[in-house]
Amino acid sequence: MSGTRVLVTGITGQDGSYLAERLVADGHHVVGVVREPEGRELPDLARVRAELELVAGDLSDPEALGDVVRAAKPDRVFHLAAPTFVPASWESPATTMREIVDATAAVLTAGRDVGARVLVPTSPEIYGYAGGESPQTERSVKLPRSPYGVAKLAAHELVRVLREGAEPVHAVATVTYNHESPRRPARFVTRKITRAAAAIALGIESEVSLGSLDAQRDWSHARDVVDGMVRALEHETPDDYVLASGEARTVGDFARAAFAAVDLDADEYVRVDPRFVRPPEPTVLVGDPSHARKTLGWTPTTTFEGLVAEMVEADLAALRATR
């Protein structure tokens, strides 16, 4: 798709920044949707900021967001903007639904109006219990357990319905399992762990408190997931794809890898705080990426240990710069 016009919502987020770098490097004109186009520092976009066209748009105003898409007249749309912190969805389910479902509907219909291909990432939270099935595929039972999961499932189904409608949209949904990078916000447990390992190695802190070390996740690098998104949208036949490593790792595994990256033993510094421990999940959310591998030729290229080490190294550099 060299030289095409690509609109990216959520361009300032982890995935959006990696995608912007990828698209600019490939020679595309990138339109990024942000809340405030002027006067914002965008550190993760520093390398490509001069190459981007930024326009104003807000998930809380879906109709206006759809107008932004129509005005930009893109050939491709990556609708990455959405709430990402699952616990917050319990505080305001209505806001979560509006910013995920209504915004997705607006972007899909606007994409149809201008003849664009549209990609919408969803989440393994759409599976919830998954009928006990693990790993999950594109066809697994979907039984979400949070308002966030319900909203993401509605968005996921909107992609399918509009793709199969009387006026079909070239629409793709990617079920993007947990993916991390040094650009992951600090409120997530992965960054809490890598920053703690870096801080302890530098003598700034002495320990870190976590919840259950047995909780399992399927982690990949955000760069790999973004590559899967690009491949999925460029495939001639729109479909749904699970983008995942296919391996379940525990929080304890993540902590051990982070401390090993600075030659420390996690057992000496990690404490379990009962306040952070949640009930065990009935089904392990781990994805089966076979469809993406066979159809798109996609597979993650960064190992779990390489991902964690990259995050720790970035936190080391950031902490040293502030000392």
C-alpha atoms as a PDB file:
ATOM      1  CA  MET A   1       0.000   0.000   0.000  1.00  0.00           C
ATOM      2  CA  SER A   2       2.934   2.311  -0.630  1.00  0.00           C
ATOM      3  CA  GLY A   3       2.024   5.992  -0.872  1.00  0.00           C
ATOM      4  CA  THR A   4      -1.513   5.646   0.450  1.00  0.00           C
ATOM      5  CA  ARG A   5      -3.281   7.995   2.843  1.00  0.00           C
ATOM      6  CA  VAL A   6      -3.674   6.371   6.258  1.00  0.00           C
ATOM      7  CA  LEU A   7      -5.684   7.689   9.193  1.00  0.00           C
ATOM      8  CA  VAL A   8      -4.765   6.472  12.692  1.00  0.00           C
ATOM      9  CA  THR A   9      -6.890   7.131  15.751  1.00  0.00           C
ATOM     10  CA  GLY A  10      -5.010   6.699  19.013  1.00  0.00           C
ATOM     11  CA  ILE A  11      -1.757   7.637  17.330  1.00  0.00           C
ATOM     12  CA  THR A  12      -0.261   8.903  20.605  1.00  0.00           C
ATOM     13  CA  GLY A  13      -0.665   5.521  22.294  1.00  0.00           C
ATOM     14  CA  GLN A  14       1.777   2.652  22.437  1.00  0.00           C
ATOM     15  CA  ASP A  15       0.493   0.908  19.303  1.00  0.00           C
ATOM     16  CA  GLY A  16      -0.228   4.146  17.454  1.00  0.00           C
ATOM     17  CA  SER A  17       3.316   5.424  17.821  1.00  0.00           C
ATOM     18  CA  TYR A  18       4.860   2.191  16.535  1.00  0.00           C
ATOM     19  CA  LEU A  19       2.363   2.119  13.679  1.00  0.00           C
ATOM     20  CA  ALA A  20       3.104   5.739  12.749  1.00  0.00           C
ATOM     21  CA  GLU A  21       6.822   4.995  12.567  1.00  0.00           C
ATOM     22  CA  ARG A  22       6.136   1.951  10.409  1.00  0.00           C
ATOM     23  CA  LEU A  23       3.816   3.788   8.030  1.00  0.00           C
ATOM     24  CA  VAL A  24       6.094   6.812   7.616  1.00  0.00           C
ATOM     25  CA  ALA A  25       9.065   4.542   6.930  1.00  0.00           C
ATOM     26  CA  ASP A  26       6.999   2.791   4.254  1.00  0.00           C
ATOM     27  CA  GLY A  27       6.266   6.099   2.528  1.00  0.00           C
ATOM     28  CA  HIS A  28       2.626   6.721   3.466  1.00  0.00           C
ATOM     29  CA  HIS A  29       0.902   9.981   4.312  1.00  0.00           C
ATOM     30  CA  VAL A  30      -0.244   9.571   7.912  1.00  0.00           C
ATOM     31  CA  VAL A  31      -3.116  11.503   9.454  1.00  0.00           C
ATOM     32  CA  GLY A  32      -3.162  11.133  13.227  1.00  0.00           C
ATOM     33  CA  VAL A  33      -6.263  11.853  15.297  1.00  0.00           C
ATOM     34  CA  VAL A  34      -5.537  13.470  18.676  1.00  0.00           C
ATOM     35  CA  ARG A  35      -7.576  15.454  21.174  1.00  0.00           C
ATOM     36  CA  GLU A  36      -5.401  18.557  20.899  1.00  0.00           C
ATOM     37  CA  PRO A  37      -3.363  18.828  17.676  1.00  0.00           C
ATOM     38  CA  GLU A  38      -1.512  21.935  18.819  1.00  0.00           C
ATOM     39  CA  GLY A  39       0.773  22.433  21.752  1.00  0.00           C
ATOM     40  CA  ARG A  40       1.166  18.799  22.796  1.00  0.00           C
ATOM     41  CA  GLU A  41       4.447  17.082  23.557  1.00  0.00           C
ATOM     42  CA  LEU A  42       4.425  13.709  21.844  1.00  0.00           C
ATOM     43  CA  PRO A  43       7.643  11.986  22.969  1.00  0.00           C
ATOM     44  CA  ASP A  44       6.850   8.597  21.445  1.00  0.00           C
ATOM     45  CA  LEU A  45       6.243  10.266  18.079  1.00  0.00           C
ATOM     46  CA  ALA A  46       9.349  12.457  18.189  1.00  0.00           C
ATOM     47  CA  ARG A  47      11.091  10.608  15.358  1.00  0.00           C
ATOM     48  CA  VAL A  48       8.225  11.100  12.903  1.00  0.00           C
ATOM     49  CA  ARG A  49       6.331  14.108  14.285  1.00  0.00           C
ATOM     50  CA  ALA A  50       7.363  16.354  11.392  1.00  0.00           C
ATOM     51  CA  GLU A  51       5.968  13.825   8.906  1.00  0.00           C
ATOM     52  CA  LEU A  52       2.512  13.601  10.465  1.00  0.00           C
ATOM     53  CA  GLU A  53      -0.686  15.514   9.801  1.00  0.00           C
ATOM     54  CA  LEU A  54      -2.549  15.831  13.103  1.00  0.00           C
ATOM     55  CA  VAL A  55      -6.273  16.540  13.346  1.00  0.00           C
ATOM     56  CA  ALA A  56      -8.610  16.923  16.327  1.00  0.00           C
ATOM     57  CA  GLY A  57     -10.970  14.124  17.316  1.00  0.00           C
ATOM     58  CA  ASP A  58     -12.456  12.710  20.503  1.00  0.00           C
ATOM     59  CA  LEU A  59     -13.934   9.278  21.328  1.00  0.00           C
ATOM     60  CA  SER A  60     -16.563  10.940  23.484  1.00  0.00           C
ATOM     61  CA  ASP A  61     -18.040  12.598  20.359  1.00  0.00           C
ATOM     62  CA  PRO A  62     -18.516   9.720  17.890  1.00  0.00           C
ATOM     63  CA  GLU A  63     -20.431  11.745  15.303  1.00  0.00           C
ATOM     64  CA  ALA A  64     -17.653  14.325  15.095  1.00  0.00           C
ATOM     65  CA  LEU A  65     -15.092  11.521  14.934  1.00  0.00           C
ATOM     66  CA  GLY A  66     -16.890  10.091  11.924  1.00  0.00           C
ATOM     67  CA  ASP A  67     -16.804  13.524  10.289  1.00  0.00           C
ATOM     68  CA  VAL A  68     -13.038  13.647  10.862  1.00  0.00           C
ATOM     69  CA  VAL A  69     -12.660  10.380   8.956  1.00  0.00           C
ATOM     70  CA  ARG A  70     -14.804  11.615   6.075  1.00  0.00           C
ATOM     71  CA  ALA A  71     -12.912  14.907   5.863  1.00  0.00           C
ATOM     72  CA  ALA A  72      -9.535  13.141   5.794  1.00  0.00           C
ATOM     73  CA  LYS A  73     -10.627  10.829   2.925  1.00  0.00           C
ATOM     74  CA  PRO A  74      -8.161   8.076   3.854  1.00  0.00           C
ATOM     75  CA  ASP A  75      -7.492   4.874   1.948  1.00  0.00           C
ATOM     76  CA  ARG A  76      -6.854   2.999   5.199  1.00  0.00           C
ATOM     77  CA  VAL A  77      -8.057   3.531   8.768  1.00  0.00           C
ATOM     78  CA  PHE A  78      -6.526   2.005  11.889  1.00  0.00           C
ATOM     79  CA  HIS A  79      -8.985   2.706  14.703  1.00  0.00           C
ATOM     80  CA  LEU A  80      -6.670   2.181  17.680  1.00  0.00           C
ATOM     81  CA  ALA A  81      -8.140   4.750  20.048  1.00  0.00           C
ATOM     82  CA  ALA A  82     -10.064   3.209  22.951  1.00  0.00           C
ATOM     83  CA  PRO A  83      -9.951   2.929  26.722  1.00  0.00           C
ATOM     84  CA  THR A  84      -7.364   0.274  27.625  1.00  0.00           C
ATOM     85  CA  PHE A  85      -7.477  -0.044  31.413  1.00  0.00           C
ATOM     86  CA  VAL A  86     -10.023  -2.799  32.120  1.00  0.00           C
ATOM     87  CA  PRO A  87     -10.724  -2.036  35.831  1.00  0.00           C
ATOM     88  CA  ALA A  88     -11.794   1.520  34.966  1.00  0.00           C
ATOM     89  CA  SER A  89     -14.710   0.167  32.927  1.00  0.00           C
ATOM     90  CA  TRP A  90     -16.516  -0.801  36.132  1.00  0.00           C
ATOM     91  CA  GLU A  91     -16.568   2.833  37.244  1.00  0.00           C
ATOM     92  CA  SER A  92     -18.489   4.064  34.203  1.00  0.00           C
ATOM     93  CA  PRO A  93     -19.852   1.324  31.920  1.00  0.00           C
ATOM     94  CA  ALA A  94     -21.809   3.916  29.915  1.00  0.00           C
ATOM     95  CA  THR A  95     -18.670   5.892  29.096  1.00  0.00           C
ATOM     96  CA  THR A  96     -16.858   2.679  28.180  1.00  0.00           C
ATOM     97  CA  MET A  97     -19.641   1.669  25.799  1.00  0.00           C
ATOM     98  CA  ARG A  98     -19.770   5.088  24.155  1.00  0.00           C
ATOM     99  CA  GLU A  99     -16.015   5.392  23.682  1.00  0.00           C
ATOM    100  CA  ILE A 100     -15.640   1.865  22.328  1.00  0.00           C
ATOM    101  CA  VAL A 101     -18.892   0.846  20.646  1.00  0.00           C
ATOM    102  CA  ASP A 102     -20.279   4.176  19.426  1.00  0.00           C
ATOM    103  CA  ALA A 103     -16.883   5.401  18.298  1.00  0.00           C
ATOM    104  CA  THR A 104     -16.200   2.152  16.424  1.00  0.00           C
ATOM    105  CA  ALA A 105     -19.597   2.342  14.707  1.00  0.00           C
ATOM    106  CA  ALA A 106     -18.900   5.922  13.643  1.00  0.00           C
ATOM    107  CA  VAL A 107     -15.474   5.078  12.242  1.00  0.00           C
ATOM    108  CA  LEU A 108     -16.729   2.005  10.386  1.00  0.00           C
ATOM    109  CA  THR A 109     -19.615   3.834   8.723  1.00  0.00           C
ATOM    110  CA  ALA A 110     -17.389   6.788   7.825  1.00  0.00           C
ATOM    111  CA  GLY A 111     -14.862   4.353   6.385  1.00  0.00           C
ATOM    112  CA  ARG A 112     -17.629   2.830   4.287  1.00  0.00           C
ATOM    113  CA  ASP A 113     -18.654   6.287   3.077  1.00  0.00           C
ATOM    114  CA  VAL A 114     -15.159   7.082   1.772  1.00  0.00           C
ATOM    115  CA  GLY A 115     -14.320   3.571   0.546  1.00  0.00           C
ATOM    116  CA  ALA A 116     -11.530   2.978   3.056  1.00  0.00           C
ATOM    117  CA  ARG A 117     -10.334  -0.253   4.563  1.00  0.00           C
ATOM    118  CA  VAL A 118     -10.787  -0.208   8.354  1.00  0.00           C
ATOM    119  CA  LEU A 119      -9.037  -2.174  11.101  1.00  0.00           C
ATOM    120  CA  VAL A 120     -10.367  -2.365  14.654  1.00  0.00           C
ATOM    121  CA  PRO A 121      -8.294  -4.083  17.365  1.00  0.00           C
ATOM    122  CA  THR A 122     -10.348  -5.877  19.981  1.00  0.00           C
ATOM    123  CA  SER A 123      -9.248  -7.796  23.071  1.00  0.00           C
ATOM    124  CA  PRO A 124      -9.070 -11.278  24.625  1.00  0.00           C
ATOM    125  CA  GLU A 125     -11.468  -9.823  27.202  1.00  0.00           C
ATOM    126  CA  ILE A 126     -14.184 -10.649  24.650  1.00  0.00           C
ATOM    127  CA  TYR A 127     -13.737 -14.340  25.528  1.00  0.00           C
ATOM    128  CA  GLY A 128     -14.037 -14.076  29.307  1.00  0.00           C
ATOM    129  CA  TYR A 129     -14.768 -17.627  30.456  1.00  0.00           C
ATOM    130  CA  ALA A 130     -14.520 -18.835  26.823  1.00  0.00           C
ATOM    131  CA  GLY A 131     -16.481 -21.924  27.839  1.00  0.00           C
ATOM    132  CA  GLY A 132     -13.282 -23.216  29.415  1.00  0.00           C
ATOM    133  CA  GLU A 133     -11.506 -23.316  26.041  1.00  0.00           C
ATOM    134  CA  SER A 134      -7.814 -22.426  26.064  1.00  0.00           C
ATOM    135  CA  PRO A 135      -6.085 -21.416  23.874  1.00  0.00           C
ATOM    136  CA  GLN A 136      -8.713 -19.336  22.090  1.00  0.00           C
ATOM    137  CA  THR A 137      -9.204 -19.027  18.345  1.00  0.00           C
ATOM    138  CA  GLU A 138     -11.279 -16.646  16.258  1.00  0.00           C
ATOM    139  CA  ARG A 139     -14.218 -19.049  16.654  1.00  0.00           C
ATOM    140  CA  SER A 140     -14.042 -19.604  20.422  1.00  0.00           C
ATOM    141  CA  VAL A 141     -17.056 -18.974  22.651  1.00  0.00           C
ATOM    142  CA  LYS A 142     -17.242 -15.345  23.779  1.00  0.00           C
ATOM    143  CA  LEU A 143     -18.497 -14.736  27.325  1.00  0.00           C
ATOM    144  CA  PRO A 144     -17.024 -11.432  28.552  1.00  0.00           C
ATOM    145  CA  ARG A 145     -16.759 -10.797  32.287  1.00  0.00           C
ATOM    146  CA  SER A 146     -16.363  -7.010  32.449  1.00  0.00           C
ATOM    147  CA  PRO A 147     -18.021  -3.923  30.927  1.00  0.00           C
ATOM    148  CA  TYR A 148     -14.817  -3.464  28.933  1.00  0.00           C
ATOM    149  CA  GLY A 149     -15.122  -6.994  27.526  1.00  0.00           C
ATOM    150  CA  VAL A 150     -18.779  -6.448  26.643  1.00  0.00           C
ATOM    151  CA  ALA A 151     -17.938  -3.225  24.804  1.00  0.00           C
ATOM    152  CA  LYS A 152     -15.055  -4.817  22.933  1.00  0.00           C
ATOM    153  CA  LEU A 153     -17.244  -7.751  21.907  1.00  0.00           C
ATOM    154  CA  ALA A 154     -19.889  -5.358  20.578  1.00  0.00           C
ATOM    155  CA  ALA A 155     -17.211  -3.560  18.547  1.00  0.00           C
ATOM    156  CA  HIS A 156     -15.880  -6.904  17.320  1.00  0.00           C
ATOM    157  CA  GLU A 157     -19.350  -7.975  16.156  1.00  0.00           C
ATOM    158  CA  LEU A 158     -19.967  -4.612  14.496  1.00  0.00           C
ATOM    159  CA  VAL A 159     -16.922  -5.253  12.323  1.00  0.00           C
ATOM    160  CA  ARG A 160     -18.344  -8.596  11.236  1.00  0.00           C
ATOM    161  CA  VAL A 161     -21.884  -7.345  10.658  1.00  0.00           C
ATOM    162  CA  LEU A 162     -20.837  -4.329   8.589  1.00  0.00           C
ATOM    163  CA  ARG A 163     -18.345  -6.451   6.671  1.00  0.00           C
ATOM    164  CA  GLU A 164     -21.180  -8.787   5.702  1.00  0.00           C
ATOM    165  CA  GLY A 165     -23.837  -6.088   5.175  1.00  0.00           C
ATOM    166  CA  ALA A 166     -25.642  -4.934   2.061  1.00  0.00           C
ATOM    167  CA  GLU A 167     -23.021  -2.194   1.649  1.00  0.00           C
ATOM    168  CA  PRO A 168     -19.983  -4.118   2.909  1.00  0.00           C
ATOM    169  CA  VAL A 169     -17.007  -2.427   4.502  1.00  0.00           C
ATOM    170  CA  HIS A 170     -13.530  -3.873   4.036  1.00  0.00           C
ATOM    171  CA  ALA A 171     -13.283  -4.252   7.812  1.00  0.00           C
ATOM    172  CA  VAL A 172     -10.880  -6.324   9.893  1.00  0.00           C
ATOM    173  CA  ALA A 173     -10.893  -7.135  13.618  1.00  0.00           C
ATOM    174  CA  THR A 174      -7.720  -8.259  15.344  1.00  0.00           C
ATOM    175  CA  VAL A 175      -7.982  -9.862  18.769  1.00  0.00           C
ATOM    176  CA  THR A 176      -4.791  -8.402  20.190  1.00  0.00           C
ATOM    177  CA  TYR A 177      -3.632 -10.252  23.277  1.00  0.00           C
ATOM    178  CA  ASN A 178      -1.446  -8.523  25.870  1.00  0.00           C
ATOM    179  CA  HIS A 179       1.361  -6.674  24.161  1.00  0.00           C
ATOM    180  CA  GLU A 180       3.978  -4.551  25.827  1.00  0.00           C
ATOM    181  CA  SER A 181       6.904  -2.243  25.141  1.00  0.00           C
ATOM    182  CA  PRO A 182       8.861   0.557  26.822  1.00  0.00           C
ATOM    183  CA  ARG A 183       5.982   2.814  25.722  1.00  0.00           C
ATOM    184  CA  ARG A 184       3.428   1.021  27.891  1.00  0.00           C
ATOM    185  CA  PRO A 185       1.941   3.467  30.479  1.00  0.00           C
ATOM    186  CA  ALA A 186       3.317   3.147  34.003  1.00  0.00           C
ATOM    187  CA  ARG A 187      -0.052   2.139  35.535  1.00  0.00           C
ATOM    188  CA  PHE A 188       0.196  -1.329  33.981  1.00  0.00           C
ATOM    189  CA  VAL A 189       1.762  -4.103  36.053  1.00  0.00           C
ATOM    190  CA  THR A 190       4.381  -4.883  33.416  1.00  0.00           C
ATOM    191  CA  ARG A 191       5.847  -1.389  33.612  1.00  0.00           C
ATOM    192  CA  LYS A 192       5.561  -1.456  37.391  1.00  0.00           C
ATOM    193  CA  ILE A 193       7.764  -4.552  37.362  1.00  0.00           C
ATOM    194  CA  THR A 194      10.353  -3.359  34.857  1.00  0.00           C
ATOM    195  CA  ARG A 195      10.666   0.055  36.470  1.00  0.00           C
ATOM    196  CA  ALA A 196      11.073  -1.565  39.894  1.00  0.00           C
ATOM    197  CA  ALA A 197      13.808  -3.868  38.609  1.00  0.00           C
ATOM    198  CA  ALA A 198      15.626  -0.873  37.146  1.00  0.00           C
ATOM    199  CA  ALA A 199      15.162   1.235  40.296  1.00  0.00           C
ATOM    200  CA  ILE A 200      16.371  -1.546  42.584  1.00  0.00           C
ATOM    201  CA  ALA A 201      19.405  -2.183  40.371  1.00  0.00           C
ATOM    202  CA  LEU A 202      20.286   1.522  40.668  1.00  0.00           C
ATOM    203  CA  GLY A 203      19.800   1.545  44.435  1.00  0.00           C
ATOM    204  CA  ILE A 204      16.774   3.853  44.284  1.00  0.00           C
ATOM    205  CA  GLU A 205      14.279   1.341  45.686  1.00  0.00           C
ATOM    206  CA  SER A 206      14.558  -1.817  47.746  1.00  0.00           C
ATOM    207  CA  GLU A 207      11.512  -3.944  46.845  1.00  0.00           C
ATOM    208  CA  VAL A 208       8.290  -4.099  44.831  1.00  0.00           C
ATOM    209  CA  SER A 209       4.823  -5.264  45.921  1.00  0.00           C
ATOM    210  CA  LEU A 210       2.675  -7.207  43.467  1.00  0.00           C
ATOM    211  CA  GLY A 211      -0.532  -9.219  43.452  1.00  0.00           C
ATOM    212  CA  SER A 212      -0.697 -12.895  42.543  1.00  0.00           C
ATOM    213  CA  LEU A 213       2.458 -14.113  40.842  1.00  0.00           C
ATOM    214  CA  ASP A 214       0.496 -17.005  39.339  1.00  0.00           C
ATOM    215  CA  ALA A 215      -1.790 -14.856  37.144  1.00  0.00           C
ATOM    216  CA  GLN A 216      -1.184 -15.775  33.507  1.00  0.00           C
ATOM    217  CA  ARG A 217      -1.089 -13.660  30.365  1.00  0.00           C
ATOM    218  CA  ASP A 218      -0.103 -14.069  26.723  1.00  0.00           C
ATOM    219  CA  TRP A 219       2.523 -11.365  26.104  1.00  0.00           C
ATOM    220  CA  SER A 220       4.014 -10.151  22.811  1.00  0.00           C
ATOM    221  CA  HIS A 221       5.901  -7.024  21.736  1.00  0.00           C
ATOM    222  CA  ALA A 222       3.738  -4.133  20.482  1.00  0.00           C
ATOM    223  CA  ARG A 223       5.904  -3.854  17.346  1.00  0.00           C
ATOM    224  CA  ASP A 224       5.004  -7.424  16.406  1.00  0.00           C
ATOM    225  CA  VAL A 225       1.310  -6.837  17.013  1.00  0.00           C
ATOM    226  CA  VAL A 226       1.413  -3.696  14.848  1.00  0.00           C
ATOM    227  CA  ASP A 227       3.046  -5.735  12.079  1.00  0.00           C
ATOM    228  CA  GLY A 228       0.167  -8.189  12.332  1.00  0.00           C
ATOM    229  CA  MET A 229      -2.354  -5.360  12.065  1.00  0.00           C
ATOM    230  CA  VAL A 230      -0.726  -4.033   8.889  1.00  0.00           C
ATOM    231  CA  ARG A 231      -0.633  -7.487   7.323  1.00  0.00           C
ATOM    232  CA  ALA A 232      -4.260  -8.123   8.265  1.00  0.00           C
ATOM    233  CA  LEU A 233      -5.556  -4.902   6.710  1.00  0.00           C
ATOM    234  CA  GLU A 234      -3.578  -5.429   3.513  1.00  0.00           C
ATOM    235  CA  HIS A 235      -4.782  -8.969   2.936  1.00  0.00           C
ATOM    236  CA  GLU A 236      -7.186  -9.008  -0.002  1.00  0.00           C
ATOM    237  CA  THR A 237      -9.962 -10.716   1.973  1.00  0.00           C
ATOM    238  CA  PRO A 238     -11.058  -9.025   5.218  1.00  0.00           C
ATOM    239  CA  ASP A 239     -11.324 -11.345   8.209  1.00  0.00           C
ATOM    240  CA  ASP A 240     -10.746 -11.624  11.963  1.00  0.00           C
ATOM    241  CA  TYR A 241      -7.369 -12.608  13.387  1.00  0.00           C
ATOM    242  CA  VAL A 242      -5.991 -13.555  16.775  1.00  0.00           C
ATOM    243  CA  LEU A 243      -2.625 -11.839  17.298  1.00  0.00           C
ATOM    244  CA  ALA A 244      -0.839 -13.535  20.184  1.00  0.00           C
ATOM    245  CA  SER A 245       2.361 -15.336  21.111  1.00  0.00           C
ATOM    246  CA  GLY A 246       0.481 -18.555  21.811  1.00  0.00           C
ATOM    247  CA  GLU A 247       2.265 -18.985  25.148  1.00  0.00           C
ATOM    248  CA  ALA A 248       0.954 -18.275  28.632  1.00  0.00           C
ATOM    249  CA  ARG A 249       3.422 -16.710  31.095  1.00  0.00           C
ATOM    250  CA  THR A 250       2.833 -15.813  34.724  1.00  0.00           C
ATOM    251  CA  VAL A 251       3.416 -12.488  36.428  1.00  0.00           C
ATOM    252  CA  GLY A 252       6.130 -14.326  38.321  1.00  0.00           C
ATOM    253  CA  ASP A 253       7.783 -15.276  35.021  1.00  0.00           C
ATOM    254  CA  PHE A 254       7.689 -11.620  33.986  1.00  0.00           C
ATOM    255  CA  ALA A 255       9.253 -10.521  37.285  1.00  0.00           C
ATOM    256  CA  ARG A 256      11.997 -13.140  37.090  1.00  0.00           C
ATOM    257  CA  ALA A 257      12.860 -12.098  33.526  1.00  0.00           C
ATOM    258  CA  ALA A 258      12.929  -8.407  34.508  1.00  0.00           C
ATOM    259  CA  PHE A 259      15.264  -8.919  37.460  1.00  0.00           C
ATOM    260  CA  ALA A 260      17.428 -11.339  35.485  1.00  0.00           C
ATOM    261  CA  ALA A 261      17.959  -8.534  32.965  1.00  0.00           C
ATOM    262  CA  VAL A 262      19.821  -6.605  35.700  1.00  0.00           C
ATOM    263  CA  ASP A 263      21.485  -9.725  37.181  1.00  0.00           C
ATOM    264  CA  LEU A 264      19.255  -9.830  40.258  1.00  0.00           C
ATOM    265  CA  ASP A 265      17.126 -12.589  41.811  1.00  0.00           C
ATOM    266  CA  ALA A 266      13.458 -11.561  41.788  1.00  0.00           C
ATOM    267  CA  ASP A 267      12.729 -13.704  44.860  1.00  0.00           C
ATOM    268  CA  GLU A 268      14.850 -11.352  46.967  1.00  0.00           C
ATOM    269  CA  TYR A 269      12.920  -8.207  46.017  1.00  0.00           C
ATOM    270  CA  VAL A 270       9.367  -9.133  45.041  1.00  0.00           C
ATOM    271  CA  ARG A 271       6.706  -9.133  47.754  1.00  0.00           C
ATOM    272  CA  VAL A 272       3.107 -10.347  47.363  1.00  0.00           C
ATOM    273  CA  ASP A 273       0.598  -7.867  48.789  1.00  0.00           C
ATOM    274  CA  PRO A 274      -2.753  -9.544  49.565  1.00  0.00           C
ATOM    275  CA  ARG A 275      -4.542  -6.284  48.735  1.00  0.00           C
ATOM    276  CA  PHE A 276      -3.551  -6.698  45.080  1.00  0.00           C
ATOM    277  CA  VAL A 277      -4.424 -10.395  44.779  1.00  0.00           C
ATOM    278  CA  ARG A 278      -7.512 -11.107  42.684  1.00  0.00           C
ATOM    279  CA  PRO A 279      -9.437 -14.412  42.484  1.00  0.00           C
ATOM    280  CA  PRO A 280      -7.998 -16.928  40.005  1.00  0.00           C
ATOM    281  CA  GLU A 281      -9.415 -16.647  36.505  1.00  0.00           C
ATOM    282  CA  PRO A 282     -11.458 -19.680  35.440  1.00  0.00           C
ATOM    283  CA  THR A 283      -9.955 -19.774  31.956  1.00  0.00           C
ATOM    284  CA  VAL A 284      -6.418 -18.834  30.935  1.00  0.00           C
ATOM    285  CA  LEU A 285      -6.541 -16.232  28.163  1.00  0.00           C
ATOM    286  CA  VAL A 286      -3.912 -17.400  25.714  1.00  0.00           C
ATOM    287  CA  GLY A 287      -4.355 -16.989  21.977  1.00  0.00           C
ATOM    288  CA  ASP A 288      -3.938 -19.425  19.117  1.00  0.00           C
ATOM    289  CA  PRO A 289      -2.390 -17.385  16.265  1.00  0.00           C
ATOM    290  CA  SER A 290      -2.552 -20.223  13.714  1.00  0.00           C
ATOM    291  CA  HIS A 291      -4.925 -18.368  11.371  1.00  0.00           C
ATOM    292  CA  ALA A 292      -2.677 -15.273  11.255  1.00  0.00           C
ATOM    293  CA  ARG A 293       0.391 -17.440  10.793  1.00  0.00           C
ATOM    294  CA  LYS A 294      -1.072 -19.446   7.926  1.00  0.00           C
ATOM    295  CA  THR A 295      -2.962 -16.656   6.155  1.00  0.00           C
ATOM    296  CA  LEU A 296      -0.747 -13.618   6.773  1.00  0.00           C
ATOM    297  CA  GLY A 297       2.643 -15.238   7.326  1.00  0.00           C
ATOM    298  CA  TRP A 298       2.711 -13.471  10.699  1.00  0.00           C
ATOM    299  CA  THR A 299       4.632 -14.599  13.742  1.00  0.00           C
ATOM    300  CA  PRO A 300       6.129 -12.633  16.649  1.00  0.00           C
ATOM    301  CA  THR A 301       9.829 -11.923  16.197  1.00  0.00           C
ATOM    302  CA  THR A 302      10.723 -10.668  19.694  1.00  0.00           C
ATOM    303  CA  THR A 303      11.118 -13.291  22.398  1.00  0.00           C
ATOM    304  CA  PHE A 304       9.495 -12.915  25.798  1.00  0.00           C
ATOM    305  CA  GLU A 305      12.893 -12.443  27.414  1.00  0.00           C
ATOM    306  CA  GLY A 306      13.911  -9.923  24.758  1.00  0.00           C
ATOM    307  CA  LEU A 307      10.735  -7.909  25.289  1.00  0.00           C
ATOM    308  CA  VAL A 308      11.213  -7.732  29.064  1.00  0.00           C
ATOM    309  CA  ALA A 309      14.899  -6.864  28.755  1.00  0.00           C
ATOM    310  CA  GLU A 310      14.109  -4.034  26.318  1.00  0.00           C
ATOM    311  CA  MET A 311      11.599  -2.582  28.776  1.00  0.00           C
ATOM    312  CA  VAL A 312      14.041  -2.804  31.687  1.00  0.00           C
ATOM    313  CA  GLU A 313      16.792  -1.141  29.665  1.00  0.00           C
ATOM    314  CA  ALA A 314      14.481   1.738  28.754  1.00  0.00           C
ATOM    315  CA  ASP A 315      13.528   2.208  32.422  1.00  0.00           C
ATOM    316  CA  LEU A 316      17.192   2.150  33.418  1.00  0.00           C
ATOM    317  CA  ALA A 317      17.936   4.887  30.891  1.00  0.00           C
ATOM    318  CA  ALA A 318      14.977   6.997  32.024  1.00  0.00           C
ATOM    319  CA  LEU A 319      15.897   6.726  35.714  1.00  0.00           C
ATOM    320  CA  ARG A 320      19.545   7.542  35.070  1.00  0.00           C
ATOM    321  CA  ALA A 321      18.490  10.625  33.119  1.00  0.00           C
ATOM    322  CA  THR A 322      16.509  11.953  36.094  1.00  0.00           C
ATOM    323  CA  ARG A 323      19.165  11.396  38.749  1.00  0.00           C
END
